[in-house]
Amino acid sequence: MNQNHLVLIASVLILSTLIGLYFNFSRGKLVKKYANESEFSKLNLPIDLSSEATILLFSTEYCSICPAVKRQIEGYIGDRSSISLHQIDAVEKIEVARKLHVKSSPTTIFFDSKGNEFGRIIGAPKSNQLKETLNKFNNQEKEISNAN
């Protein structure tokens, strides 16, 4: 094997490693919000926003980690009636997924009672992300009510 082959093999290995690292670090991340009240109302989803927080979990039939993510969210919510969870098949409701900029599954989107997005997790949530997102929302709600 000559030196050119070794350089090519090393380059492919380095590139593959970098792509893998990028993919790994881009999953399970909180990202900026995309939707606001007017966008949510255009989705035509039969979802009641009367809860303080509504969580939409976008999944697909072939997503191997989506059932575990749903159980994780349900476990975190527990008996809290102030939070509702709705699982949406991203393939079946592809227009909704497009309007909300859902690019992969699972994607978890958090909405307040007015339909404003206050958080989004792409990929499987890390153990503290659900708590952090909902606590951040609760703190914002307290600040708003104290200001009024």
N, C-alpha and C. Protein backbone atom coordinates (compact mmCIF):
# COMPACT_ATOMS: atom_id res chain seq x y z
N MET A 1 0.85 -1.17 0.00
CA MET A 1 0.00 0.00 0.00
C MET A 1 0.90 1.23 0.00
N ASN A 2 0.64 2.13 -0.92
CA ASN A 2 1.50 3.31 -0.98
C ASN A 2 0.96 4.44 -0.08
N GLN A 3 1.72 5.50 -0.02
CA GLN A 3 1.42 6.60 0.89
C GLN A 3 0.11 7.31 0.50
N ASN A 4 -0.20 7.40 -0.77
CA ASN A 4 -1.44 8.06 -1.21
C ASN A 4 -2.67 7.32 -0.69
N HIS A 5 -2.62 5.98 -0.70
CA HIS A 5 -3.74 5.19 -0.19
C HIS A 5 -3.92 5.42 1.31
N LEU A 6 -2.82 5.48 2.04
CA LEU A 6 -2.90 5.71 3.48
C LEU A 6 -3.49 7.09 3.80
N VAL A 7 -3.09 8.09 3.03
CA VAL A 7 -3.63 9.44 3.23
C VAL A 7 -5.13 9.45 2.94
N LEU A 8 -5.55 8.77 1.88
CA LEU A 8 -6.96 8.70 1.53
C LEU A 8 -7.76 8.00 2.63
N ILE A 9 -7.27 6.89 3.11
CA ILE A 9 -7.96 6.15 4.18
C ILE A 9 -8.04 6.99 5.44
N ALA A 10 -6.96 7.65 5.80
CA ALA A 10 -6.96 8.51 7.00
C ALA A 10 -7.95 9.66 6.84
N SER A 11 -8.02 10.24 5.65
CA SER A 11 -8.95 11.35 5.39
C SER A 11 -10.40 10.89 5.53
N VAL A 12 -10.71 9.72 4.98
CA VAL A 12 -12.07 9.18 5.08
C VAL A 12 -12.42 8.90 6.54
N LEU A 13 -11.49 8.34 7.30
CA LEU A 13 -11.74 8.07 8.72
C LEU A 13 -11.98 9.35 9.51
N ILE A 14 -11.18 10.36 9.26
CA ILE A 14 -11.34 11.63 9.97
C ILE A 14 -12.68 12.28 9.61
N LEU A 15 -13.02 12.30 8.33
CA LEU A 15 -14.28 12.88 7.89
C LEU A 15 -15.47 12.13 8.50
N SER A 16 -15.41 10.81 8.50
CA SER A 16 -16.48 10.00 9.08
C SER A 16 -16.63 10.29 10.57
N THR A 17 -15.52 10.41 11.25
CA THR A 17 -15.55 10.71 12.68
C THR A 17 -16.18 12.07 12.94
N LEU A 18 -15.80 13.07 12.16
CA LEU A 18 -16.36 14.41 12.33
C LEU A 18 -17.86 14.44 12.06
N ILE A 19 -18.30 13.75 11.03
CA ILE A 19 -19.74 13.67 10.73
C ILE A 19 -20.48 12.98 11.87
N GLY A 20 -19.93 11.89 12.37
CA GLY A 20 -20.54 11.18 13.49
C GLY A 20 -20.63 12.03 14.74
N LEU A 21 -19.57 12.77 15.04
CA LEU A 21 -19.58 13.66 16.21
C LEU A 21 -20.62 14.76 16.05
N TYR A 22 -20.69 15.35 14.86
CA TYR A 22 -21.69 16.39 14.62
C TYR A 22 -23.09 15.83 14.83
N PHE A 23 -23.37 14.67 14.25
CA PHE A 23 -24.70 14.07 14.38
C PHE A 23 -25.00 13.78 15.85
N ASN A 24 -24.04 13.24 16.56
CA ASN A 24 -24.25 12.90 17.97
C ASN A 24 -24.52 14.14 18.81
N PHE A 25 -23.78 15.20 18.59
CA PHE A 25 -23.95 16.41 19.40
C PHE A 25 -25.17 17.23 18.98
N SER A 26 -25.69 17.02 17.78
CA SER A 26 -26.86 17.78 17.35
C SER A 26 -28.16 17.12 17.79
N ARG A 27 -28.11 15.93 18.32
CA ARG A 27 -29.30 15.23 18.79
C ARG A 27 -29.52 15.54 20.26
N GLY A 28 -30.78 15.57 20.68
CA GLY A 28 -31.10 15.81 22.07
C GLY A 28 -30.74 17.21 22.51
N LYS A 29 -30.91 18.18 21.61
CA LYS A 29 -30.54 19.56 21.93
C LYS A 29 -31.78 20.44 21.98
N LEU A 30 -31.75 21.37 22.90
CA LEU A 30 -32.75 22.42 22.92
C LEU A 30 -32.38 23.41 21.82
N VAL A 31 -33.36 23.79 21.03
CA VAL A 31 -33.09 24.72 19.95
C VAL A 31 -34.05 25.90 20.03
N LYS A 32 -33.80 26.90 19.21
CA LYS A 32 -34.66 28.09 19.24
C LYS A 32 -36.08 27.73 18.86
N LYS A 33 -36.99 28.56 19.31
CA LYS A 33 -38.39 28.30 19.01
C LYS A 33 -38.73 28.78 17.61
N TYR A 34 -39.75 28.16 17.04
CA TYR A 34 -40.16 28.50 15.68
C TYR A 34 -41.59 29.03 15.60
N ALA A 35 -42.49 28.52 16.42
CA ALA A 35 -43.91 28.80 16.24
C ALA A 35 -44.41 29.86 17.22
N ASN A 36 -45.42 30.59 16.77
CA ASN A 36 -46.12 31.50 17.67
C ASN A 36 -47.60 31.21 17.58
N GLU A 37 -48.39 31.96 18.32
CA GLU A 37 -49.82 31.69 18.42
C GLU A 37 -50.50 31.62 17.06
N SER A 38 -50.21 32.56 16.19
CA SER A 38 -50.87 32.58 14.89
C SER A 38 -50.51 31.34 14.06
N GLU A 39 -49.27 30.88 14.18
CA GLU A 39 -48.87 29.68 13.44
C GLU A 39 -49.56 28.44 13.99
N PHE A 40 -49.67 28.35 15.31
CA PHE A 40 -50.31 27.17 15.91
C PHE A 40 -51.77 27.08 15.49
N SER A 41 -52.46 28.21 15.46
CA SER A 41 -53.88 28.18 15.10
C SER A 41 -54.09 27.75 13.65
N LYS A 42 -53.10 27.92 12.79
CA LYS A 42 -53.21 27.51 11.39
C LYS A 42 -52.97 26.01 11.17
N LEU A 43 -52.57 25.31 12.22
CA LEU A 43 -52.24 23.89 12.07
C LEU A 43 -53.46 23.00 11.95
N ASN A 44 -54.61 23.48 12.39
CA ASN A 44 -55.85 22.70 12.36
C ASN A 44 -55.71 21.35 13.05
N LEU A 45 -55.11 21.37 14.21
CA LEU A 45 -54.99 20.15 15.01
C LEU A 45 -56.11 20.13 16.05
N PRO A 46 -56.71 18.96 16.27
CA PRO A 46 -57.77 18.87 17.29
C PRO A 46 -57.17 18.81 18.70
N ILE A 47 -56.43 19.85 19.05
CA ILE A 47 -55.74 19.87 20.34
C ILE A 47 -56.23 21.06 21.14
N ASP A 48 -56.68 20.78 22.34
CA ASP A 48 -57.15 21.81 23.25
C ASP A 48 -55.95 22.39 23.99
N LEU A 49 -55.78 23.69 23.90
CA LEU A 49 -54.65 24.35 24.55
C LEU A 49 -55.01 24.87 25.94
N SER A 50 -56.02 24.28 26.58
CA SER A 50 -56.43 24.78 27.89
C SER A 50 -55.43 24.42 28.99
N SER A 51 -54.55 23.49 28.74
CA SER A 51 -53.51 23.16 29.73
C SER A 51 -52.51 24.29 29.79
N GLU A 52 -51.83 24.42 30.93
CA GLU A 52 -50.78 25.44 31.04
C GLU A 52 -49.69 25.19 30.00
N ALA A 53 -49.37 23.91 29.79
CA ALA A 53 -48.35 23.54 28.81
C ALA A 53 -48.85 22.35 28.00
N THR A 54 -48.63 22.41 26.70
CA THR A 54 -48.98 21.32 25.80
C THR A 54 -47.70 20.87 25.11
N ILE A 55 -47.47 19.57 25.13
CA ILE A 55 -46.27 19.01 24.52
C ILE A 55 -46.69 18.21 23.29
N LEU A 56 -46.10 18.54 22.15
CA LEU A 56 -46.31 17.75 20.94
C LEU A 56 -45.05 16.93 20.70
N LEU A 57 -45.23 15.62 20.62
CA LEU A 57 -44.12 14.71 20.34
C LEU A 57 -44.29 14.20 18.91
N PHE A 58 -43.42 14.64 18.02
CA PHE A 58 -43.46 14.18 16.63
C PHE A 58 -42.61 12.92 16.52
N SER A 59 -43.24 11.86 16.02
CA SER A 59 -42.54 10.58 15.88
C SER A 59 -42.95 9.96 14.55
N THR A 60 -42.35 8.83 14.25
CA THR A 60 -42.72 8.07 13.06
C THR A 60 -42.83 6.60 13.45
N GLU A 61 -43.48 5.85 12.60
CA GLU A 61 -43.65 4.42 12.85
C GLU A 61 -42.31 3.70 12.96
N TYR A 62 -41.32 4.18 12.23
CA TYR A 62 -40.03 3.50 12.17
C TYR A 62 -39.00 4.06 13.14
N CYS A 63 -39.40 4.99 13.98
CA CYS A 63 -38.49 5.59 14.96
C CYS A 63 -38.31 4.62 16.12
N SER A 64 -37.12 4.13 16.29
CA SER A 64 -36.89 3.12 17.33
C SER A 64 -36.86 3.69 18.74
N ILE A 65 -36.52 4.97 18.88
CA ILE A 65 -36.43 5.54 20.23
C ILE A 65 -37.68 6.32 20.63
N CYS A 66 -38.61 6.54 19.70
CA CYS A 66 -39.80 7.34 19.99
C CYS A 66 -40.66 6.76 21.13
N PRO A 67 -40.92 5.44 21.18
CA PRO A 67 -41.70 4.93 22.31
C PRO A 67 -41.03 5.19 23.66
N ALA A 68 -39.72 5.09 23.70
CA ALA A 68 -39.00 5.36 24.95
C ALA A 68 -39.08 6.84 25.32
N VAL A 69 -39.02 7.71 24.32
CA VAL A 69 -39.14 9.15 24.58
C VAL A 69 -40.53 9.46 25.11
N LYS A 70 -41.56 8.84 24.53
CA LYS A 70 -42.93 9.06 25.01
C LYS A 70 -43.05 8.62 26.47
N ARG A 71 -42.51 7.46 26.80
CA ARG A 71 -42.56 6.98 28.19
C ARG A 71 -41.80 7.92 29.12
N GLN A 72 -40.66 8.43 28.65
CA GLN A 72 -39.87 9.36 29.45
C GLN A 72 -40.68 10.62 29.75
N ILE A 73 -41.35 11.17 28.75
CA ILE A 73 -42.15 12.38 28.94
C ILE A 73 -43.33 12.08 29.86
N GLU A 74 -44.01 10.96 29.61
CA GLU A 74 -45.15 10.59 30.47
C GLU A 74 -44.70 10.41 31.91
N GLY A 75 -43.53 9.82 32.11
CA GLY A 75 -43.00 9.65 33.46
C GLY A 75 -42.71 10.98 34.12
N TYR A 76 -42.21 11.92 33.35
CA TYR A 76 -41.92 13.24 33.91
C TYR A 76 -43.21 13.98 34.24
N ILE A 77 -44.19 13.91 33.34
CA ILE A 77 -45.46 14.60 33.56
C ILE A 77 -46.18 14.02 34.78
N GLY A 78 -46.21 12.70 34.87
CA GLY A 78 -46.89 12.05 35.99
C GLY A 78 -48.36 12.43 36.05
N ASP A 79 -48.79 12.88 37.22
CA ASP A 79 -50.19 13.22 37.44
C ASP A 79 -50.50 14.70 37.24
N ARG A 80 -49.58 15.43 36.69
CA ARG A 80 -49.79 16.88 36.50
C ARG A 80 -50.81 17.13 35.40
N SER A 81 -51.98 17.56 35.78
CA SER A 81 -53.03 17.83 34.79
C SER A 81 -52.78 19.13 34.04
N SER A 82 -51.82 19.92 34.51
CA SER A 82 -51.53 21.20 33.86
C SER A 82 -50.66 21.03 32.61
N ILE A 83 -50.22 19.80 32.35
CA ILE A 83 -49.39 19.52 31.17
C ILE A 83 -50.05 18.40 30.37
N SER A 84 -50.25 18.64 29.08
CA SER A 84 -50.81 17.58 28.24
C SER A 84 -49.80 17.17 27.17
N LEU A 85 -49.82 15.90 26.82
CA LEU A 85 -48.91 15.34 25.82
C LEU A 85 -49.72 14.79 24.66
N HIS A 86 -49.31 15.14 23.44
CA HIS A 86 -49.96 14.64 22.23
C HIS A 86 -48.88 14.11 21.30
N GLN A 87 -49.00 12.84 20.93
CA GLN A 87 -48.05 12.25 19.99
C GLN A 87 -48.61 12.39 18.58
N ILE A 88 -47.78 12.87 17.67
CA ILE A 88 -48.21 13.11 16.29
C ILE A 88 -47.29 12.35 15.35
N ASP A 89 -47.88 11.59 14.44
CA ASP A 89 -47.11 10.88 13.43
C ASP A 89 -46.67 11.89 12.37
N ALA A 90 -45.38 12.12 12.27
CA ALA A 90 -44.84 13.15 11.37
C ALA A 90 -45.06 12.80 9.90
N VAL A 91 -45.23 11.53 9.58
CA VAL A 91 -45.49 11.13 8.19
C VAL A 91 -46.96 11.36 7.87
N GLU A 92 -47.83 10.95 8.78
CA GLU A 92 -49.27 11.10 8.58
C GLU A 92 -49.67 12.58 8.54
N LYS A 93 -49.04 13.38 9.36
CA LYS A 93 -49.33 14.83 9.45
C LYS A 93 -48.13 15.62 8.92
N ILE A 94 -47.72 15.29 7.71
CA ILE A 94 -46.49 15.88 7.16
C ILE A 94 -46.60 17.40 6.98
N GLU A 95 -47.79 17.91 6.66
CA GLU A 95 -47.95 19.36 6.51
C GLU A 95 -47.76 20.07 7.85
N VAL A 96 -48.26 19.48 8.91
CA VAL A 96 -48.07 20.05 10.25
C VAL A 96 -46.59 20.04 10.60
N ALA A 97 -45.94 18.92 10.32
CA ALA A 97 -44.50 18.81 10.60
C ALA A 97 -43.72 19.86 9.81
N ARG A 98 -44.08 20.08 8.57
CA ARG A 98 -43.39 21.09 7.76
C ARG A 98 -43.60 22.50 8.31
N LYS A 99 -44.85 22.80 8.67
CA LYS A 99 -45.14 24.14 9.19
C LYS A 99 -44.40 24.42 10.48
N LEU A 100 -44.16 23.37 11.26
CA LEU A 100 -43.44 23.54 12.53
C LEU A 100 -41.95 23.26 12.39
N HIS A 101 -41.48 23.10 11.17
CA HIS A 101 -40.05 22.90 10.89
C HIS A 101 -39.49 21.66 11.59
N VAL A 102 -40.28 20.58 11.61
CA VAL A 102 -39.82 19.31 12.18
C VAL A 102 -39.04 18.59 11.10
N LYS A 103 -37.77 18.33 11.37
CA LYS A 103 -36.88 17.73 10.38
C LYS A 103 -36.54 16.28 10.69
N SER A 104 -36.72 15.87 11.95
CA SER A 104 -36.38 14.49 12.32
C SER A 104 -37.26 14.06 13.49
N SER A 105 -37.26 12.77 13.73
CA SER A 105 -38.03 12.27 14.87
C SER A 105 -37.09 11.51 15.80
N PRO A 106 -37.31 11.64 17.07
CA PRO A 106 -38.38 12.42 17.70
C PRO A 106 -38.02 13.90 17.80
N THR A 107 -39.04 14.73 17.70
CA THR A 107 -38.92 16.15 18.00
C THR A 107 -40.03 16.48 18.98
N THR A 108 -39.66 17.10 20.08
CA THR A 108 -40.60 17.45 21.14
C THR A 108 -40.73 18.97 21.16
N ILE A 109 -41.98 19.46 21.03
CA ILE A 109 -42.22 20.90 21.01
C ILE A 109 -43.16 21.26 22.15
N PHE A 110 -42.83 22.31 22.88
CA PHE A 110 -43.58 22.75 24.05
C PHE A 110 -44.33 24.04 23.71
N PHE A 111 -45.64 24.08 24.03
CA PHE A 111 -46.47 25.25 23.79
C PHE A 111 -47.14 25.70 25.08
N ASP A 112 -47.35 27.01 25.20
CA ASP A 112 -48.12 27.51 26.33
C ASP A 112 -49.60 27.50 25.96
N SER A 113 -50.45 27.98 26.85
CA SER A 113 -51.90 27.92 26.63
C SER A 113 -52.38 28.85 25.51
N LYS A 114 -51.51 29.75 25.05
CA LYS A 114 -51.88 30.64 23.95
C LYS A 114 -51.36 30.14 22.60
N GLY A 115 -50.65 29.02 22.61
CA GLY A 115 -50.12 28.46 21.37
C GLY A 115 -48.75 28.97 21.01
N ASN A 116 -48.09 29.63 21.94
CA ASN A 116 -46.72 30.11 21.70
C ASN A 116 -45.73 29.02 22.07
N GLU A 117 -44.81 28.75 21.18
CA GLU A 117 -43.78 27.75 21.45
C GLU A 117 -42.78 28.32 22.45
N PHE A 118 -42.48 27.52 23.50
CA PHE A 118 -41.49 27.99 24.47
C PHE A 118 -40.32 27.03 24.61
N GLY A 119 -40.29 25.97 23.83
CA GLY A 119 -39.16 25.07 23.87
C GLY A 119 -39.27 23.99 22.81
N ARG A 120 -38.13 23.44 22.45
CA ARG A 120 -38.08 22.39 21.43
C ARG A 120 -36.85 21.55 21.70
N ILE A 121 -37.03 20.23 21.64
CA ILE A 121 -35.92 19.30 21.79
C ILE A 121 -35.90 18.40 20.57
N ILE A 122 -34.78 18.37 19.89
CA ILE A 122 -34.63 17.51 18.72
C ILE A 122 -33.85 16.28 19.16
N GLY A 123 -34.42 15.11 18.92
CA GLY A 123 -33.80 13.88 19.37
C GLY A 123 -34.33 13.48 20.74
N ALA A 124 -33.72 12.47 21.31
CA ALA A 124 -34.13 12.01 22.63
C ALA A 124 -33.71 13.03 23.68
N PRO A 125 -34.66 13.47 24.52
CA PRO A 125 -34.30 14.46 25.55
C PRO A 125 -33.30 13.87 26.54
N LYS A 126 -32.34 14.69 26.91
CA LYS A 126 -31.44 14.29 27.99
C LYS A 126 -32.22 14.41 29.29
N SER A 127 -31.77 13.74 30.32
CA SER A 127 -32.55 13.60 31.55
C SER A 127 -33.02 14.92 32.15
N ASN A 128 -32.25 15.97 32.04
CA ASN A 128 -32.62 17.23 32.67
C ASN A 128 -33.35 18.21 31.75
N GLN A 129 -33.42 17.93 30.46
CA GLN A 129 -33.96 18.91 29.51
C GLN A 129 -35.46 19.15 29.67
N LEU A 130 -36.23 18.10 29.95
CA LEU A 130 -37.67 18.29 30.15
C LEU A 130 -37.91 19.21 31.34
N LYS A 131 -37.22 18.90 32.42
CA LYS A 131 -37.36 19.69 33.65
C LYS A 131 -36.93 21.14 33.42
N GLU A 132 -35.79 21.34 32.79
CA GLU A 132 -35.29 22.69 32.52
C GLU A 132 -36.26 23.49 31.66
N THR A 133 -36.79 22.87 30.62
CA THR A 133 -37.69 23.57 29.71
C THR A 133 -38.97 23.98 30.43
N LEU A 134 -39.57 23.06 31.18
CA LEU A 134 -40.81 23.38 31.88
C LEU A 134 -40.58 24.34 33.04
N ASN A 135 -39.45 24.23 33.72
CA ASN A 135 -39.13 25.19 34.79
C ASN A 135 -38.93 26.59 34.23
N LYS A 136 -38.26 26.68 33.09
CA LYS A 136 -38.05 27.97 32.43
C LYS A 136 -39.39 28.60 32.09
N PHE A 137 -40.31 27.78 31.57
CA PHE A 137 -41.65 28.26 31.24
C PHE A 137 -42.37 28.74 32.49
N ASN A 138 -42.33 27.94 33.56
CA ASN A 138 -43.00 28.33 34.81
C ASN A 138 -42.45 29.63 35.36
N ASN A 139 -41.14 29.83 35.26
CA ASN A 139 -40.52 31.07 35.74
C ASN A 139 -40.98 32.26 34.90
N GLN A 140 -41.11 32.07 33.58
CA GLN A 140 -41.58 33.15 32.71
C GLN A 140 -43.03 33.50 33.05
N GLU A 141 -43.85 32.48 33.30
CA GLU A 141 -45.25 32.71 33.65
C GLU A 141 -45.36 33.49 34.95
N LYS A 142 -44.53 33.15 35.94
CA LYS A 142 -44.55 33.86 37.22
C LYS A 142 -44.16 35.31 37.04
N GLU A 143 -43.14 35.57 36.21
CA GLU A 143 -42.71 36.94 35.96
C GLU A 143 -43.81 37.75 35.30
N ILE A 144 -44.53 37.14 34.36
CA ILE A 144 -45.62 37.84 33.67
C ILE A 144 -46.75 38.14 34.65
N SER A 145 -47.14 37.16 35.47
CA SER A 145 -48.24 37.39 36.41
C SER A 145 -47.85 38.39 37.49
N ASN A 146 -46.59 38.43 37.90
CA ASN A 146 -46.14 39.41 38.89
C ASN A 146 -46.12 40.82 38.30
N ALA A 147 -45.87 40.92 36.99
CA ALA A 147 -45.83 42.23 36.34
C ALA A 147 -47.22 42.82 36.19
N ASN A 148 -48.23 41.95 36.14
CA ASN A 148 -49.62 42.44 35.97
C ASN A 148 -50.18 42.80 37.27
